[in-house]
Amino acid sequence: MRYESGRFGFFADRHVTMTLDTNSPDEAVLRALFDAALAASLPDGRFEGRLPVAPKGRTIVLGAGKGAARMVRAFEDAWEAAGNRAPEGLAVTRYGHGTPTRFVEVVEAAHPVPDAAGMAAAQRILDYAGTAGTDDLVVFLMSGGASSLLALPAPGVSLEDKQALNRALLKSGAPIGAMNRVRKALSAIKGGRLAAAAAKARRVTYLISDVPGDDPGAIGSGPTIPEASDPEGALSILAEYGIVIEPRIEQAIRANAVEAGEGGTVEMLATPKMALDAAAEAARAIGLMPLVLGDALEGEARDVARVLAAIGTYAAAHDQPVAKPCVILSGGETTVTVRGRGRGGRNAEFLLALAVALGGHKGIAAIACDTDGIDGSEDNAGAWIDAGILEAARARGIDPVARLADNDGYGFFEALGRLVVTGPTLTNVNDFRAILVR
């Protein structure tokens, strides 16, 4: 099978052509599978045949998320190709995730902890939605990361309050769904409030999903997906994870409650399942039997690693639940309860724990990466391992167990030259994991 890739990486600048089969090097196979998943996650070409009818008035495009800029550009291409008048609008994405657009302005802000730039962008986007009239069409483009990028606190809550709570949530080990429920409760724009601001106009939302089950209300905390507020649920999440808030924050959460409304049409452009299906198809073309465990694996990264290590070693020994040569694919966002002082996101943590659990098992290699190109807050998408990873670490005097205890997956893989660095991919369908067994 042929892949156009640079350093086996879909988003690198330098391109080479490789023919892969079951005897190809572990790194080449693993990166090719990740490339296939990334290609299936992009919005390019996905608007064709799914565009709304052009309005009499303006077409206003409002977007947010790590994939927002690429979504804007893909929409502009499709809208113009259909012979429609040029759109206008505004989108916000993460720093470094922008891309040139022709008609819609794209600004950048901080993620995962919101900043003043995100707050200003959120206010501008909300105000823009409020200008839409009955003859207008509002197109919302939302992807993962929108929750932090659209940082517009509810009355009585400051940006500093939201930043502090975001940091506490990120360190707590709370799953992304729980974090987003709290974010909605603290927001003046999430939980359908953005769609409500454009209630006079016809509205359509296009989504790139980064959440298990592809719940539209969970993607970016659902700024265009109306729902009834659940302040007590948000408060119970904070209590469950030991996050103490001031009484005024509790009062603000309760006072920010809204009823569910109507938000217009919703279309899904790309999902974690699409990415896994594309990787599975690429695996078959190489001669590997894929086993897809699903796109919703959650839990502590090191716990998930132990389970997947057990599945991998069983397949290696018994050709069950899938016969080798094979690849075990999964998605979903794990969590990391930070106790050490090391560097590393959830994919580095998962992969280091997997390496420890495998113990250098011959014939097993793996890759784990975030499809947005950023594992946590580092500059890598993830990392990869093969059967020689622990031996290579010992030769360098590196203790993998100690590094894991210190949450230092990044430092471990950086020292061994095993980081996967793509740069921003301009999409986001959550994490991608592949365990190769031969």
Protein backbone atom coordinates (compact mmCIF):
# COMPACT_ATOMS: atom_id res chain seq x y z
CA MET A 1 0.00 0.00 0.00
CA ARG A 2 1.32 3.46 -0.89
CA TYR A 3 1.28 6.43 1.46
CA GLU A 4 2.34 9.98 0.67
CA SER A 5 3.97 10.97 3.92
CA GLY A 6 6.88 12.84 5.41
CA ARG A 7 8.88 10.96 8.06
CA PHE A 8 5.85 8.63 7.86
CA GLY A 9 3.85 11.67 9.12
CA PHE A 10 0.84 12.94 7.17
CA PHE A 11 1.37 16.57 8.15
CA ALA A 12 5.13 16.89 7.76
CA ASP A 13 6.54 19.14 5.03
CA ARG A 14 8.92 16.65 3.44
CA HIS A 15 7.19 13.89 1.46
CA VAL A 16 8.32 10.38 0.61
CA THR A 17 6.50 7.42 -0.90
CA MET A 18 6.52 4.01 0.78
CA THR A 19 5.05 0.64 -0.08
CA LEU A 20 4.01 -1.06 3.14
CA ASP A 21 3.26 -4.68 3.97
CA THR A 22 3.24 -6.91 7.04
CA ASN A 23 7.06 -6.99 7.07
CA SER A 24 7.50 -3.20 7.09
CA PRO A 25 9.17 -1.59 10.13
CA ASP A 26 6.95 -1.10 13.16
CA GLU A 27 7.25 2.68 13.11
CA ALA A 28 6.31 2.92 9.43
CA VAL A 29 3.20 0.76 9.88
CA LEU A 30 2.05 2.51 13.03
CA ARG A 31 2.48 5.99 11.58
CA ALA A 32 0.72 4.98 8.36
CA LEU A 33 -2.30 3.85 10.39
CA PHE A 34 -2.28 7.16 12.25
CA ASP A 35 -2.01 9.00 8.92
CA ALA A 36 -5.11 7.18 7.65
CA ALA A 37 -7.03 8.13 10.79
CA LEU A 38 -6.01 11.78 10.44
CA ALA A 39 -6.96 11.94 6.77
CA ALA A 40 -10.46 10.68 7.64
CA SER A 41 -10.77 13.33 10.34
CA LEU A 42 -10.35 16.41 8.14
CA PRO A 43 -13.34 18.51 7.01
CA ASP A 44 -11.99 18.91 3.46
CA GLY A 45 -14.58 17.81 0.90
CA ARG A 46 -17.17 16.90 3.52
CA PHE A 47 -19.51 19.84 2.92
CA GLU A 48 -20.27 18.88 -0.68
CA GLY A 49 -23.85 17.62 -0.95
CA ARG A 50 -24.61 18.77 2.59
CA LEU A 51 -24.84 22.53 2.17
CA PRO A 52 -27.96 24.43 3.27
CA VAL A 53 -30.02 26.46 0.80
CA ALA A 54 -28.51 29.90 0.33
CA PRO A 55 -30.40 32.69 2.14
CA LYS A 56 -31.88 35.90 0.79
CA GLY A 57 -29.71 37.81 3.23
CA ARG A 58 -26.29 37.17 4.71
CA THR A 59 -24.50 33.89 5.31
CA ILE A 60 -22.82 34.29 8.68
CA VAL A 61 -20.19 31.72 9.65
CA LEU A 62 -19.33 31.43 13.35
CA GLY A 63 -16.86 28.80 14.53
CA ALA A 64 -14.79 27.59 17.44
CA GLY A 65 -12.44 24.73 18.20
CA LYS A 66 -9.09 23.25 17.27
CA GLY A 67 -10.42 22.41 13.81
CA ALA A 68 -12.31 25.68 13.31
CA ALA A 69 -9.91 27.30 10.81
CA ARG A 70 -9.75 24.24 8.57
CA MET A 71 -13.53 23.89 8.79
CA VAL A 72 -13.97 27.52 7.74
CA ARG A 73 -11.68 27.07 4.76
CA ALA A 74 -13.44 23.86 3.67
CA PHE A 75 -16.84 25.52 4.00
CA GLU A 76 -15.71 28.57 2.04
CA ASP A 77 -14.47 26.31 -0.77
CA ALA A 78 -17.72 24.35 -0.95
CA TRP A 79 -19.95 27.44 -0.61
CA GLU A 80 -18.13 29.30 -3.36
CA ALA A 81 -18.06 26.23 -5.64
CA ALA A 82 -21.85 26.02 -5.30
CA GLY A 83 -22.13 29.53 -6.77
CA ASN A 84 -23.28 31.25 -3.58
CA ARG A 85 -22.45 34.74 -2.44
CA ALA A 86 -19.42 35.02 -0.20
CA PRO A 87 -20.01 34.36 3.49
CA GLU A 88 -18.85 36.53 6.38
CA GLY A 89 -18.15 35.77 10.01
CA LEU A 90 -15.68 34.98 12.75
CA ALA A 91 -14.06 31.86 14.21
CA VAL A 92 -11.66 31.21 17.08
CA THR A 93 -9.09 28.44 17.26
CA ARG A 94 -6.12 27.48 19.41
CA TYR A 95 -2.84 29.37 19.12
CA GLY A 96 -0.91 27.93 16.18
CA HIS A 97 -3.98 26.21 14.68
CA GLY A 98 -4.96 28.95 12.26
CA THR A 99 -4.90 28.68 8.47
CA PRO A 100 -5.54 31.25 5.71
CA THR A 101 -9.21 31.92 4.91
CA ARG A 102 -10.75 34.26 2.33
CA PHE A 103 -13.92 35.68 3.84
CA VAL A 104 -14.29 34.62 7.48
CA GLU A 105 -11.95 36.10 10.08
CA VAL A 106 -10.07 33.60 12.23
CA VAL A 107 -8.54 34.61 15.57
CA GLU A 108 -6.52 32.54 18.04
CA ALA A 109 -6.76 32.02 21.79
CA ALA A 110 -5.50 29.74 24.55
CA HIS A 111 -6.37 26.11 25.16
CA PRO A 112 -6.91 24.21 27.47
CA VAL A 113 -6.87 27.04 30.03
CA PRO A 114 -8.82 30.01 28.58
CA ASP A 115 -7.36 33.49 28.28
CA ALA A 116 -8.48 37.06 27.60
CA ALA A 117 -8.22 36.55 23.84
CA GLY A 118 -10.72 33.69 24.02
CA MET A 119 -13.03 35.79 26.17
CA ALA A 120 -12.91 38.66 23.67
CA ALA A 121 -13.52 36.29 20.75
CA ALA A 122 -16.46 34.67 22.52
CA GLN A 123 -18.07 38.05 23.14
CA ARG A 124 -17.57 39.07 19.51
CA ILE A 125 -19.04 35.78 18.27
CA LEU A 126 -22.04 36.08 20.58
CA ASP A 127 -22.60 39.68 19.46
CA TYR A 128 -22.28 38.65 15.80
CA ALA A 129 -24.94 35.99 16.27
CA GLY A 130 -27.23 38.64 17.72
CA THR A 131 -27.09 40.62 14.46
CA ALA A 132 -28.63 37.78 12.41
CA GLY A 133 -32.10 38.53 11.05
CA THR A 134 -34.93 36.55 9.54
CA ASP A 135 -33.44 36.57 6.01
CA ASP A 136 -30.02 35.40 7.20
CA LEU A 137 -28.39 31.99 7.52
CA VAL A 138 -26.04 31.31 10.44
CA VAL A 139 -23.58 28.45 9.94
CA PHE A 140 -21.92 27.24 13.12
CA LEU A 141 -18.67 25.26 12.78
CA MET A 142 -17.75 23.53 16.04
CA SER A 143 -15.01 21.08 16.97
CA GLY A 144 -13.26 19.86 20.10
CA GLY A 145 -11.59 22.62 22.08
CA ALA A 146 -14.44 25.07 21.61
CA SER A 147 -15.28 24.80 25.29
CA SER A 148 -12.03 26.45 26.40
CA LEU A 149 -11.78 28.79 23.41
CA LEU A 150 -15.24 30.28 23.90
CA ALA A 151 -14.46 31.59 27.36
CA LEU A 152 -17.32 33.91 28.26
CA PRO A 153 -18.05 33.62 31.99
CA ALA A 154 -21.56 33.77 33.39
CA PRO A 155 -22.51 36.87 35.39
CA GLY A 156 -20.70 36.85 38.71
CA VAL A 157 -17.82 34.72 37.40
CA SER A 158 -14.49 36.22 36.28
CA LEU A 159 -12.03 34.92 33.72
CA GLU A 160 -9.61 34.23 36.58
CA ASP A 161 -12.30 32.10 38.25
CA LYS A 162 -12.74 30.06 35.08
CA GLN A 163 -8.98 29.66 34.61
CA ALA A 164 -8.55 28.39 38.16
CA LEU A 165 -11.42 25.94 37.82
CA ASN A 166 -10.12 24.69 34.46
CA ARG A 167 -6.70 24.00 35.95
CA ALA A 168 -8.26 22.20 38.89
CA LEU A 169 -10.46 20.09 36.59
CA LEU A 170 -7.53 19.18 34.33
CA LYS A 171 -5.55 17.89 37.32
CA SER A 172 -8.49 16.16 39.01
CA GLY A 173 -8.79 13.14 36.73
CA ALA A 174 -12.39 14.04 35.84
CA PRO A 175 -13.53 12.73 32.42
CA ILE A 176 -14.06 15.26 29.64
CA GLY A 177 -17.85 14.92 29.81
CA ALA A 178 -17.87 15.92 33.47
CA MET A 179 -15.53 18.84 32.83
CA ASN A 180 -17.76 20.14 30.06
CA ARG A 181 -20.84 19.98 32.29
CA VAL A 182 -19.09 22.30 34.72
CA ARG A 183 -17.96 24.58 31.90
CA LYS A 184 -21.54 24.91 30.63
CA ALA A 185 -22.75 25.86 34.07
CA LEU A 186 -20.16 28.65 34.26
CA SER A 187 -20.70 30.00 30.73
CA ALA A 188 -22.73 32.75 29.10
CA ILE A 189 -22.35 31.16 25.64
CA LYS A 190 -22.26 27.36 26.00
CA GLY A 191 -25.16 24.94 26.42
CA GLY A 192 -27.09 26.38 23.46
CA ARG A 193 -26.78 30.00 24.47
CA LEU A 194 -24.95 30.91 21.23
CA ALA A 195 -27.70 29.43 19.05
CA ALA A 196 -30.31 31.27 21.10
CA ALA A 197 -28.61 34.58 20.28
CA ALA A 198 -29.28 33.92 16.57
CA ALA A 199 -32.84 32.73 17.09
CA LYS A 200 -34.30 34.97 14.34
CA ALA A 201 -32.21 33.35 11.62
CA ARG A 202 -32.10 29.93 10.01
CA ARG A 203 -29.31 27.97 11.71
CA VAL A 204 -27.22 24.91 10.90
CA THR A 205 -24.38 23.43 12.95
CA TYR A 206 -21.57 21.32 11.48
CA LEU A 207 -19.55 19.30 13.98
CA ILE A 208 -16.28 17.42 14.20
CA SER A 209 -16.71 15.13 17.18
CA ASP A 210 -14.09 14.46 19.82
CA VAL A 211 -16.39 12.85 22.39
CA PRO A 212 -17.51 9.24 23.00
CA GLY A 213 -20.88 8.61 21.41
CA ASP A 214 -20.73 11.84 19.36
CA ASP A 215 -23.25 13.64 21.58
CA PRO A 216 -23.66 17.08 19.90
CA GLY A 217 -24.27 18.71 23.27
CA ALA A 218 -20.93 17.46 24.57
CA ILE A 219 -18.78 18.66 21.67
CA GLY A 220 -17.20 21.92 22.82
CA SER A 221 -19.83 22.04 25.58
CA GLY A 222 -22.57 22.47 22.97
CA PRO A 223 -22.69 26.26 22.37
CA THR A 224 -25.29 25.72 19.63
CA ILE A 225 -27.10 22.72 21.13
CA PRO A 226 -29.87 23.92 23.47
CA GLU A 227 -30.47 22.00 26.67
CA ALA A 228 -31.92 22.64 30.08
CA SER A 229 -29.27 23.63 32.61
CA ASP A 230 -28.24 21.29 35.41
CA PRO A 231 -26.61 23.46 38.08
CA GLU A 232 -26.90 20.84 40.80
CA GLY A 233 -25.22 18.27 38.57
CA ALA A 234 -22.29 20.63 37.96
CA LEU A 235 -21.93 21.32 41.67
CA SER A 236 -21.96 17.61 42.46
CA ILE A 237 -19.12 17.02 39.95
CA LEU A 238 -17.00 19.68 41.66
CA ALA A 239 -17.68 18.07 45.03
CA GLU A 240 -16.95 14.57 43.73
CA TYR A 241 -13.48 15.59 42.54
CA GLY A 242 -12.67 17.63 45.63
CA ILE A 243 -12.73 21.03 43.93
CA VAL A 244 -13.74 23.68 46.45
CA ILE A 245 -15.44 26.84 45.16
CA GLU A 246 -16.44 30.07 46.84
CA PRO A 247 -20.11 30.62 47.73
CA ARG A 248 -20.39 33.35 45.09
CA ILE A 249 -19.38 30.87 42.37
CA GLU A 250 -22.00 28.43 43.61
CA GLN A 251 -24.59 31.21 43.51
CA ALA A 252 -23.53 32.19 39.97
CA ILE A 253 -23.90 28.61 38.75
CA ARG A 254 -27.43 28.38 40.15
CA ALA A 255 -28.39 31.80 38.75
CA ASN A 256 -27.13 30.86 35.25
CA ALA A 257 -29.80 28.21 34.65
CA VAL A 258 -31.71 28.29 31.32
CA GLU A 259 -34.47 26.22 29.71
CA ALA A 260 -33.94 24.16 26.56
CA GLY A 261 -34.76 25.81 23.23
CA GLU A 262 -34.41 25.02 19.52
CA GLY A 263 -31.05 25.33 17.77
CA GLY A 264 -31.61 24.33 14.14
CA THR A 265 -30.13 21.56 12.00
CA VAL A 266 -27.09 19.56 13.11
CA GLU A 267 -24.66 17.75 10.76
CA MET A 268 -21.71 15.55 11.77
CA LEU A 269 -18.66 15.95 9.49
CA ALA A 270 -16.10 13.68 11.15
CA THR A 271 -16.12 11.36 14.16
CA PRO A 272 -13.72 9.10 16.07
CA LYS A 273 -15.41 6.08 14.49
CA MET A 274 -14.66 7.38 11.01
CA ALA A 275 -11.00 7.68 11.97
CA LEU A 276 -10.86 4.14 13.37
CA ASP A 277 -12.68 2.73 10.34
CA ALA A 278 -10.15 4.39 8.03
CA ALA A 279 -7.25 2.96 10.05
CA ALA A 280 -8.87 -0.48 9.95
CA GLU A 281 -9.20 -0.27 6.17
CA ALA A 282 -5.53 0.74 5.88
CA ALA A 283 -4.55 -2.17 8.11
CA ARG A 284 -6.36 -4.66 5.88
CA ALA A 285 -4.61 -3.23 2.82
CA ILE A 286 -1.25 -3.85 4.50
CA GLY A 287 -2.23 -7.41 5.41
CA LEU A 288 -3.13 -6.90 9.07
CA MET A 289 -6.35 -8.07 10.67
CA PRO A 290 -7.90 -5.12 12.57
CA LEU A 291 -9.75 -5.43 15.85
CA VAL A 292 -11.61 -2.23 16.72
CA LEU A 293 -12.36 -2.03 20.43
CA GLY A 294 -14.43 1.14 20.07
CA ASP A 295 -14.08 4.91 20.18
CA ALA A 296 -15.12 5.42 23.80
CA LEU A 297 -12.45 3.84 26.01
CA GLU A 298 -12.13 5.97 29.13
CA GLY A 299 -10.51 5.73 32.55
CA GLU A 300 -7.07 6.36 34.02
CA ALA A 301 -4.50 6.11 31.23
CA ARG A 302 -2.37 3.56 33.07
CA ASP A 303 -5.40 1.39 33.87
CA VAL A 304 -6.49 1.36 30.23
CA ALA A 305 -2.90 0.50 29.29
CA ARG A 306 -2.89 -2.58 31.51
CA VAL A 307 -6.12 -3.85 29.97
CA LEU A 308 -4.93 -3.33 26.40
CA ALA A 309 -1.58 -4.92 27.21
CA ALA A 310 -3.44 -8.02 28.38
CA ILE A 311 -5.45 -8.15 25.14
CA GLY A 312 -2.30 -7.70 23.06
CA THR A 313 -0.31 -10.41 24.80
CA TYR A 314 -3.26 -12.84 24.63
CA ALA A 315 -3.55 -12.23 20.89
CA ALA A 316 0.20 -12.82 20.53
CA ALA A 317 -0.01 -16.12 22.42
CA HIS A 318 -3.35 -17.54 21.25
CA ASP A 319 -4.48 -15.66 18.12
CA GLN A 320 -7.54 -14.55 20.06
CA PRO A 321 -9.65 -12.39 20.07
CA VAL A 322 -7.96 -11.71 16.72
CA ALA A 323 -5.36 -13.68 14.79
CA LYS A 324 -1.93 -12.17 14.17
CA PRO A 325 -0.57 -10.36 12.33
CA CYS A 326 -3.10 -7.90 13.61
CA VAL A 327 -3.65 -4.43 14.96
CA ILE A 328 -5.83 -3.55 17.94
CA LEU A 329 -7.43 -0.13 17.45
CA SER A 330 -9.18 2.09 19.95
CA GLY A 331 -10.16 5.68 20.63
CA GLY A 332 -11.60 7.70 23.48
CA GLU A 333 -10.07 10.09 25.96
CA THR A 334 -8.28 8.67 28.97
CA THR A 335 -7.54 10.74 32.06
CA VAL A 336 -4.44 11.33 34.16
CA THR A 337 -4.53 12.13 37.83
CA VAL A 338 -1.37 14.19 38.18
CA ARG A 339 0.73 13.27 41.23
CA GLY A 340 4.26 13.78 39.90
CA ARG A 341 6.18 16.71 38.47
CA GLY A 342 7.02 15.33 35.05
CA ARG A 343 5.83 16.40 31.62
CA GLY A 344 3.43 14.57 29.41
CA GLY A 345 -0.13 14.25 28.23
CA ARG A 346 -2.50 11.33 28.51
CA ASN A 347 -1.14 9.52 25.42
CA ALA A 348 2.44 9.59 26.67
CA GLU A 349 1.18 8.37 30.05
CA PHE A 350 -0.82 5.58 28.43
CA LEU A 351 2.05 4.47 26.22
CA LEU A 352 4.64 4.46 29.01
CA ALA A 353 2.27 2.41 31.18
CA LEU A 354 1.69 0.07 28.23
CA ALA A 355 5.42 -0.40 27.75
CA VAL A 356 5.85 -1.25 31.44
CA ALA A 357 2.92 -3.69 31.33
CA LEU A 358 4.21 -5.42 28.18
CA GLY A 359 7.66 -5.81 29.72
CA GLY A 360 9.43 -5.90 26.34
CA HIS A 361 7.12 -8.55 24.87
CA LYS A 362 8.49 -9.58 21.49
CA GLY A 363 6.41 -8.83 18.43
CA ILE A 364 4.26 -6.06 19.95
CA ALA A 365 4.53 -2.37 19.10
CA ALA A 366 2.13 0.52 19.62
CA ILE A 367 1.35 4.16 18.93
CA ALA A 368 -0.87 6.55 20.88
CA CYS A 369 -1.57 10.09 19.68
CA ASP A 370 -4.07 12.90 19.97
CA THR A 371 -5.54 13.63 16.55
CA ASP A 372 -5.25 17.38 17.12
CA GLY A 373 -1.46 17.01 17.16
CA ILE A 374 -1.08 18.16 20.76
CA ASP A 375 -0.88 15.67 23.63
CA GLY A 376 -2.09 17.71 26.58
CA SER A 377 -0.08 20.93 26.55
CA GLU A 378 3.12 19.58 24.98
CA ASP A 379 4.44 19.93 21.41
CA ASN A 380 3.96 16.27 20.46
CA ALA A 381 0.90 14.37 19.27
CA GLY A 382 2.00 11.30 21.21
CA ALA A 383 4.67 8.62 20.97
CA TRP A 384 5.37 5.08 19.80
CA ILE A 385 7.00 1.97 21.25
CA ASP A 386 8.32 -1.36 20.08
CA ALA A 387 9.59 -4.47 21.86
CA GLY A 388 13.00 -2.89 22.44
CA ILE A 389 11.82 0.22 24.25
CA LEU A 390 12.63 -0.95 27.80
CA GLU A 391 16.04 -2.27 26.81
CA ALA A 392 16.79 1.05 25.13
CA ALA A 393 15.73 2.88 28.30
CA ARG A 394 17.94 0.74 30.52
CA ALA A 395 20.90 1.35 28.23
CA ARG A 396 20.41 5.09 28.83
CA GLY A 397 20.01 4.67 32.59
CA ILE A 398 16.32 5.60 32.44
CA ASP A 399 13.89 3.93 34.85
CA PRO A 400 10.47 3.63 33.13
CA VAL A 401 8.63 2.80 36.36
CA ALA A 402 10.05 5.88 38.09
CA ARG A 403 9.20 8.05 35.09
CA LEU A 404 5.63 6.74 35.13
CA ALA A 405 5.29 7.47 38.85
CA ASP A 406 6.41 11.04 38.12
CA ASN A 407 3.94 11.44 35.20
CA ASP A 408 6.95 12.03 32.94
CA GLY A 409 5.97 10.23 29.76
CA TYR A 410 7.14 13.13 27.61
CA GLY A 411 10.61 13.14 29.15
CA PHE A 412 10.88 9.37 28.77
CA PHE A 413 10.01 9.31 25.07
CA GLU A 414 11.91 12.49 24.27
CA ALA A 415 15.10 10.96 25.67
CA LEU A 416 14.63 7.87 23.50
CA GLY A 417 13.62 9.70 20.31
CA ARG A 418 10.15 8.13 20.26
CA LEU A 419 7.92 11.21 20.25
CA VAL A 420 5.46 11.62 17.38
CA VAL A 421 5.45 15.29 16.34
CA THR A 422 2.96 16.39 13.66
CA GLY A 423 2.33 20.00 14.59
CA PRO A 424 -1.31 21.18 14.68
CA THR A 425 -3.39 18.91 12.45
CA LEU A 426 -6.32 21.39 12.26
CA THR A 427 -8.82 18.73 13.25
CA ASN A 428 -9.70 16.82 16.42
CA VAL A 429 -11.51 13.49 16.79
CA ASN A 430 -9.97 12.55 20.11
CA ASP A 431 -7.18 10.04 20.74
CA PHE A 432 -5.96 7.28 18.45
CA ARG A 433 -4.32 4.10 19.72
CA ALA A 434 -2.99 1.16 17.71
CA ILE A 435 -1.28 -1.95 19.09
CA LEU A 436 0.53 -3.97 16.42
CA VAL A 437 0.92 -7.72 17.09
CA ARG A 438 2.96 -9.97 14.78
